[in-house]
PDB file of N, CA and C in Angstrom:
ATOM      1  N   MET A   1     104.878  85.182 115.443  1.00  0.00           N
ATOM      2  CA  MET A   1     104.553  85.799 114.067  1.00  0.00           C
ATOM      3  C   MET A   1     105.136  86.531 113.419  1.00  0.00           C
ATOM      4  N   ASP A   2     106.171  86.996 113.020  1.00  0.00           N
ATOM      5  CA  ASP A   2     106.767  88.383 112.409  1.00  0.00           C
ATOM      6  C   ASP A   2     105.663  89.102 111.605  1.00  0.00           C
ATOM      7  N   VAL A   3     105.827  90.407 111.652  1.00  0.00           N
ATOM      8  CA  VAL A   3     105.191  91.329 110.723  1.00  0.00           C
ATOM      9  C   VAL A   3     105.133  90.844 109.409  1.00  0.00           C
ATOM     10  N   ALA A   4     106.092  90.692 108.989  1.00  0.00           N
ATOM     11  CA  ALA A   4     106.034  90.389 107.277  1.00  0.00           C
ATOM     12  C   ALA A   4     105.145  88.957 107.063  1.00  0.00           C
ATOM     13  N   GLU A   5     104.929  87.810 107.482  1.00  0.00           N
ATOM     14  CA  GLU A   5     104.725  86.677 108.149  1.00  0.00           C
ATOM     15  C   GLU A   5     103.013  87.546 107.833  1.00  0.00           C
ATOM     16  N   LEU A   6     102.371  88.515 108.910  1.00  0.00           N
ATOM     17  CA  LEU A   6     101.220  88.608 109.240  1.00  0.00           C
ATOM     18  C   LEU A   6     101.063  89.355 107.968  1.00  0.00           C
ATOM     19  N   ARG A   7     101.312  90.492 107.254  1.00  0.00           N
ATOM     20  CA  ARG A   7     100.962  91.074 106.359  1.00  0.00           C
ATOM     21  C   ARG A   7     100.707  90.455 105.141  1.00  0.00           C
ATOM     22  N   SER A   8     101.254  89.118 104.731  1.00  0.00           N
ATOM     23  CA  SER A   8     101.233  88.398 104.138  1.00  0.00           C
ATOM     24  C   SER A   8      99.724  87.233 104.441  1.00  0.00           C
ATOM     25  N   LYS A   9      99.622  87.203 105.324  1.00  0.00           N
ATOM     26  CA  LYS A   9      98.748  86.629 105.927  1.00  0.00           C
ATOM     27  C   LYS A   9      97.111  87.269 105.756  1.00  0.00           C
ATOM     28  N   ILE A  10      97.568  88.653 105.869  1.00  0.00           N
ATOM     29  CA  ILE A  10      96.354  90.143 105.531  1.00  0.00           C
ATOM     30  C   ILE A  10      96.199  89.518 104.348  1.00  0.00           C
ATOM     31  N   ALA A  11      97.030  89.914 103.626  1.00  0.00           N
ATOM     32  CA  ALA A  11      97.248  89.981 102.029  1.00  0.00           C
ATOM     33  C   ALA A  11      96.210  88.807 101.576  1.00  0.00           C
ATOM     34  N   THR A  12      96.537  87.646 102.032  1.00  0.00           N
ATOM     35  CA  THR A  12      95.505  86.209 101.691  1.00  0.00           C
ATOM     36  C   THR A  12      94.152  86.440 101.713  1.00  0.00           C
ATOM     37  N   ALA A  13      93.971  86.840 103.209  1.00  0.00           N
ATOM     38  CA  ALA A  13      92.457  87.037 103.427  1.00  0.00           C
ATOM     39  C   ALA A  13      91.853  87.570 102.704  1.00  0.00           C
ATOM     40  N   LYS A  14      92.533  88.968 102.470  1.00  0.00           N
ATOM     41  CA  LYS A  14      91.855  89.652 101.397  1.00  0.00           C
ATOM     42  C   LYS A  14      91.361  89.318 100.031  1.00  0.00           C
ATOM     43  N   ARG A  15      92.598  88.708  99.562  1.00  0.00           N
ATOM     44  CA  ARG A  15      92.324  88.000  98.350  1.00  0.00           C
ATOM     45  C   ARG A  15      90.724  86.872  98.223  1.00  0.00           C
ATOM     46  N   ARG A  16      91.314  86.090  99.695  1.00  0.00           N
ATOM     47  CA  ARG A  16      89.919  84.779  99.867  1.00  0.00           C
ATOM     48  C   ARG A  16      88.560  85.964  99.692  1.00  0.00           C
ATOM     49  N   LEU A  17      88.635  87.177 100.073  1.00  0.00           N
ATOM     50  CA  LEU A  17      87.362  88.091 100.372  1.00  0.00           C
ATOM     51  C   LEU A  17      87.166  88.291  98.721  1.00  0.00           C
ATOM     52  N   MET A  18      88.300  88.824  98.112  1.00  0.00           N
ATOM     53  CA  MET A  18      87.429  89.068  96.781  1.00  0.00           C
ATOM     54  C   MET A  18      86.936  87.807  95.945  1.00  0.00           C
ATOM     55  N   VAL A  19      87.779  86.342  96.184  1.00  0.00           N
ATOM     56  CA  VAL A  19      87.377  85.277  95.292  1.00  0.00           C
ATOM     57  C   VAL A  19      85.622  85.074  95.929  1.00  0.00           C
ATOM     58  N   ALA A  20      85.402  85.288  97.039  1.00  0.00           N
ATOM     59  CA  ALA A  20      83.902  85.327  97.574  1.00  0.00           C
ATOM     60  C   ALA A  20      83.242  85.819  97.208  1.00  0.00           C
ATOM     61  N   GLU A  21      83.469  87.581  96.970  1.00  0.00           N
ATOM     62  CA  GLU A  21      82.968  88.458  96.462  1.00  0.00           C
ATOM     63  C   GLU A  21      82.537  88.230  95.041  1.00  0.00           C
ATOM     64  N   GLU A  22      83.412  87.497  94.322  1.00  0.00           N
ATOM     65  CA  GLU A  22      83.401  87.523  92.856  1.00  0.00           C
ATOM     66  C   GLU A  22      82.537  86.377  92.596  1.00  0.00           C
ATOM     67  N   GLU A  23      82.296  85.293  93.337  1.00  0.00           N
ATOM     68  CA  GLU A  23      81.411  84.053  93.437  1.00  0.00           C
ATOM     69  C   GLU A  23      80.164  84.510  93.493  1.00  0.00           C
ATOM     70  N   MET A  24      80.039  85.012  94.891  1.00  0.00           N
ATOM     71  CA  MET A  24      78.562  85.304  94.940  1.00  0.00           C
ATOM     72  C   MET A  24      77.668  86.088  93.601  1.00  0.00           C
ATOM     73  N   GLU A  25      78.840  87.368  93.413  1.00  0.00           N
ATOM     74  CA  GLU A  25      78.263  87.839  92.326  1.00  0.00           C
ATOM     75  C   GLU A  25      77.739  87.346  90.861  1.00  0.00           C
ATOM     76  N   THR A  26      78.738  86.501  90.373  1.00  0.00           N
ATOM     77  CA  THR A  26      78.203  85.290  89.736  1.00  0.00           C
ATOM     78  C   THR A  26      76.950  84.422  89.800  1.00  0.00           C
ATOM     79  N   ALA A  27      77.060  83.774  90.840  1.00  0.00           N
ATOM     80  CA  ALA A  27      75.791  83.176  91.417  1.00  0.00           C
ATOM     81  C   ALA A  27      74.642  84.192  91.407  1.00  0.00           C
ATOM     82  N   LEU A  28      74.444  85.376  91.962  1.00  0.00           N
ATOM     83  CA  LEU A  28      73.154  86.164  92.323  1.00  0.00           C
ATOM     84  C   LEU A  28      72.876  86.608  90.873  1.00  0.00           C
ATOM     85  N   HIS A  29      73.775  86.761  89.732  1.00  0.00           N
ATOM     86  CA  HIS A  29      73.537  87.298  88.171  1.00  0.00           C
ATOM     87  C   HIS A  29      72.600  85.873  87.941  1.00  0.00           C
ATOM     88  N   GLY A  30      72.986  84.756  88.439  1.00  0.00           N
ATOM     89  CA  GLY A  30      73.067  83.333  87.489  1.00  0.00           C
ATOM     90  C   GLY A  30      71.511  83.271  88.201  1.00  0.00           C
ATOM     91  N   ILE A  31      71.012  83.765  89.136  1.00  0.00           N
ATOM     92  CA  ILE A  31      69.310  83.113  89.856  1.00  0.00           C
ATOM     93  C   ILE A  31      68.489  83.541  88.843  1.00  0.00           C
ATOM     94  N   GLY A  32      68.570  84.611  88.481  1.00  0.00           N
ATOM     95  CA  GLY A  32      67.671  85.832  87.943  1.00  0.00           C
ATOM     96  C   GLY A  32      67.269  84.667  86.388  1.00  0.00           C
ATOM     97  N   GLN A  33      68.310  84.362  85.570  1.00  0.00           N
ATOM     98  CA  GLN A  33      68.278  83.776  84.676  1.00  0.00           C
ATOM     99  C   GLN A  33      67.976  82.332  84.290  1.00  0.00           C
ATOM    100  N   ALA A  34      68.175  81.836  85.286  1.00  0.00           N
ATOM    101  CA  ALA A  34      67.943  80.323  85.680  1.00  0.00           C
ATOM    102  C   ALA A  34      66.714  79.935  85.504  1.00  0.00           C
ATOM    103  N   PRO A  35      66.792  78.845  85.209  1.00  0.00           N
ATOM    104  CA  PRO A  35      65.307  78.180  85.377  1.00  0.00           C
ATOM    105  C   PRO A  35      64.978  77.325  87.029  1.00  0.00           C
ATOM    106  N   ARG A  36      63.746  77.278  86.976  1.00  0.00           N
ATOM    107  CA  ARG A  36      63.728  77.081  88.388  1.00  0.00           C
ATOM    108  C   ARG A  36      64.707  75.739  89.101  1.00  0.00           C
ATOM    109  N   ALA A  37      64.563  74.868  88.343  1.00  0.00           N
ATOM    110  CA  ALA A  37      65.436  73.038  88.591  1.00  0.00           C
ATOM    111  C   ALA A  37      67.195  73.658  89.144  1.00  0.00           C
ATOM    112  N   ASP A  38      67.380  74.903  88.445  1.00  0.00           N
ATOM    113  CA  ASP A  38      68.606  75.250  88.321  1.00  0.00           C
ATOM    114  C   ASP A  38      68.843  76.040  89.892  1.00  0.00           C
ATOM    115  N   LYS A  39      68.100  76.925  89.833  1.00  0.00           N
ATOM    116  CA  LYS A  39      68.526  77.377  91.354  1.00  0.00           C
ATOM    117  C   LYS A  39      68.476  76.837  92.416  1.00  0.00           C
ATOM    118  N   SER A  40      68.397  75.596  92.437  1.00  0.00           N
ATOM    119  CA  SER A  40      68.727  74.921  93.679  1.00  0.00           C
ATOM    120  C   SER A  40      70.474  74.785  93.607  1.00  0.00           C
ATOM    121  N   ILE A  41      71.143  74.501  92.333  1.00  0.00           N
ATOM    122  CA  ILE A  41      72.366  74.369  92.119  1.00  0.00           C
ATOM    123  C   ILE A  41      73.096  75.659  92.519  1.00  0.00           C
ATOM    124  N   ILE A  42      72.476  77.208  91.827  1.00  0.00           N
ATOM    125  CA  ILE A  42      72.881  78.368  92.045  1.00  0.00           C
ATOM    126  C   ILE A  42      73.002  78.482  94.098  1.00  0.00           C
ATOM    127  N   SER A  43      72.021  77.959  95.292  1.00  0.00           N
ATOM    128  CA  SER A  43      71.698  77.884  95.999  1.00  0.00           C
ATOM    129  C   SER A  43      73.268  77.665  96.643  1.00  0.00           C
ATOM    130  N   GLY A  44      73.451  76.225  96.369  1.00  0.00           N
ATOM    131  CA  GLY A  44      74.605  75.739  96.817  1.00  0.00           C
ATOM    132  C   GLY A  44      75.847  76.710  96.436  1.00  0.00           C
ATOM    133  N   SER A  45      76.229  77.184  95.396  1.00  0.00           N
ATOM    134  CA  SER A  45      77.388  78.208  95.138  1.00  0.00           C
ATOM    135  C   SER A  45      77.341  79.406  95.983  1.00  0.00           C
ATOM    136  N   LEU A  46      76.116  79.780  95.947  1.00  0.00           N
ATOM    137  CA  LEU A  46      76.139  80.959  97.193  1.00  0.00           C
ATOM    138  C   LEU A  46      76.209  80.800  98.693  1.00  0.00           C
ATOM    139  N   SER A  47      75.779  79.591  98.969  1.00  0.00           N
ATOM    140  CA  SER A  47      76.371  78.938 100.581  1.00  0.00           C
ATOM    141  C   SER A  47      77.550  78.767 100.853  1.00  0.00           C
ATOM    142  N   VAL A  48      78.368  78.338  99.741  1.00  0.00           N
ATOM    143  CA  VAL A  48      79.753  78.210  99.755  1.00  0.00           C
ATOM    144  C   VAL A  48      80.531  79.132  99.651  1.00  0.00           C
ATOM    145  N   ALA A  49      79.756  80.341  98.862  1.00  0.00           N
ATOM    146  CA  ALA A  49      80.597  81.495  98.745  1.00  0.00           C
ATOM    147  C   ALA A  49      80.296  82.289 100.602  1.00  0.00           C
ATOM    148  N   PHE A  50      79.411  82.365 100.666  1.00  0.00           N
ATOM    149  CA  PHE A  50      79.032  82.532 102.000  1.00  0.00           C
ATOM    150  C   PHE A  50      80.008  82.141 103.382  1.00  0.00           C
ATOM    151  N   THR A  51      79.950  80.793 102.933  1.00  0.00           N
ATOM    152  CA  THR A  51      80.814  80.595 104.215  1.00  0.00           C
ATOM    153  C   THR A  51      82.128  80.627 104.140  1.00  0.00           C
ATOM    154  N   GLU A  52      82.466  81.048 102.984  1.00  0.00           N
ATOM    155  CA  GLU A  52      83.803  81.218 102.106  1.00  0.00           C
ATOM    156  C   GLU A  52      84.619  82.930 102.647  1.00  0.00           C
ATOM    157  N   LEU A  53      83.476  83.995 102.434  1.00  0.00           N
ATOM    158  CA  LEU A  53      83.262  85.217 103.186  1.00  0.00           C
ATOM    159  C   LEU A  53      83.456  84.853 104.504  1.00  0.00           C
ATOM    160  N   LYS A  54      82.590  84.458 105.241  1.00  0.00           N
ATOM    161  CA  LYS A  54      82.601  84.755 106.542  1.00  0.00           C
ATOM    162  C   LYS A  54      84.341  84.322 107.186  1.00  0.00           C
ATOM    163  N   ALA A  55      84.962  83.139 106.617  1.00  0.00           N
ATOM    164  CA  ALA A  55      85.616  82.772 107.281  1.00  0.00           C
ATOM    165  C   ALA A  55      86.912  83.510 106.812  1.00  0.00           C
ATOM    166  N   ALA A  56      87.119  84.271 105.461  1.00  0.00           N
ATOM    167  CA  ALA A  56      87.843  85.236 105.131  1.00  0.00           C
ATOM    168  C   ALA A  56      87.862  86.461 106.032  1.00  0.00           C
ATOM    169  N   ARG A  57      86.558  87.029 106.528  1.00  0.00           N
ATOM    170  CA  ARG A  57      86.313  87.978 107.085  1.00  0.00           C
ATOM    171  C   ARG A  57      87.070  87.614 108.592  1.00  0.00           C
ATOM    172  N   GLN A  58      86.522  86.450 109.101  1.00  0.00           N
ATOM    173  CA  GLN A  58      87.186  86.254 110.507  1.00  0.00           C
ATOM    174  C   GLN A  58      88.501  86.247 110.926  1.00  0.00           C
ATOM    175  N   ASP A  59      89.144  85.774 109.449  1.00  0.00           N
ATOM    176  CA  ASP A  59      91.099  85.308 109.566  1.00  0.00           C
ATOM    177  C   ASP A  59      91.323  86.830 109.555  1.00  0.00           C
ATOM    178  N   LEU A  60      90.715  87.822 108.398  1.00  0.00           N
ATOM    179  CA  LEU A  60      91.312  89.089 108.440  1.00  0.00           C
ATOM    180  C   LEU A  60      91.096  89.802 109.967  1.00  0.00           C
ATOM    181  N   SER A  61      89.947  89.991 110.104  1.00  0.00           N
ATOM    182  CA  SER A  61      90.037  90.660 111.479  1.00  0.00           C
ATOM    183  C   SER A  61      91.068  89.880 112.638  1.00  0.00           C
ATOM    184  N   ASP A  62      91.340  88.777 112.263  1.00  0.00           N
ATOM    185  CA  ASP A  62      92.109  88.402 113.495  1.00  0.00           C
ATOM    186  C   ASP A  62      93.467  88.549 113.469  1.00  0.00           C
ATOM    187  N   LEU A  63      93.671  88.400 112.238  1.00  0.00           N
ATOM    188  CA  LEU A  63      94.988  88.690 111.955  1.00  0.00           C
ATOM    189  C   LEU A  63      95.135  90.546 112.091  1.00  0.00           C
ATOM    190  N   GLU A  64      94.243  91.505 111.712  1.00  0.00           N
ATOM    191  CA  GLU A  64      94.451  92.810 111.751  1.00  0.00           C
ATOM    192  C   GLU A  64      94.374  92.898 113.425  1.00  0.00           C
ATOM    193  N   GLN A  65      93.947  92.514 114.273  1.00  0.00           N
ATOM    194  CA  GLN A  65      94.574  92.539 115.822  1.00  0.00           C
ATOM    195  C   GLN A  65      95.408  92.433 116.420  1.00  0.00           C
ATOM    196  N   VAL A  66      95.604  91.138 115.614  1.00  0.00           N
ATOM    197  CA  VAL A  66      97.282  90.876 116.359  1.00  0.00           C
ATOM    198  C   VAL A  66      98.431  91.927 115.643  1.00  0.00           C
ATOM    199  N   LEU A  67      98.119  92.249 114.560  1.00  0.00           N
ATOM    200  CA  LEU A  67      99.173  93.647 114.146  1.00  0.00           C
ATOM    201  C   LEU A  67      99.270  94.691 114.694  1.00  0.00           C
ATOM    202  N   ALA A  68      97.674  94.810 115.268  1.00  0.00           N
ATOM    203  CA  ALA A  68      97.446  96.320 115.890  1.00  0.00           C
ATOM    204  C   ALA A  68      98.268  95.966 117.491  1.00  0.00           C
ATOM    205  N   GLN A  69      98.416  94.846 117.808  1.00  0.00           N
ATOM    206  CA  GLN A  69      99.060  94.607 118.999  1.00  0.00           C
ATOM    207  C   GLN A  69     100.797  94.951 119.050  1.00  0.00           C
ATOM    208  N   GLU A  70     100.889  94.861 117.843  1.00  0.00           N
ATOM    209  CA  GLU A  70     102.599  94.876 117.681  1.00  0.00           C
ATOM    210  C   GLU A  70     103.144  96.361 117.964  1.00  0.00           C
TER     211      GLU A  70
END
């Protein structure tokens, strides 16, 4: 993997992090305003967002380690 490709993958990982953070923020705002029945729907959204966030952070960490070795 060349440096340009690696930097592109790092940028993609950072975008994924931003999307996950935005989704989590939206869901957190919705929790306070939602009726009890809707909280389960929001909980599912948060679960997806946390999964995406963890995957993106791991991708970013892996890519930064590769770049540091170059």
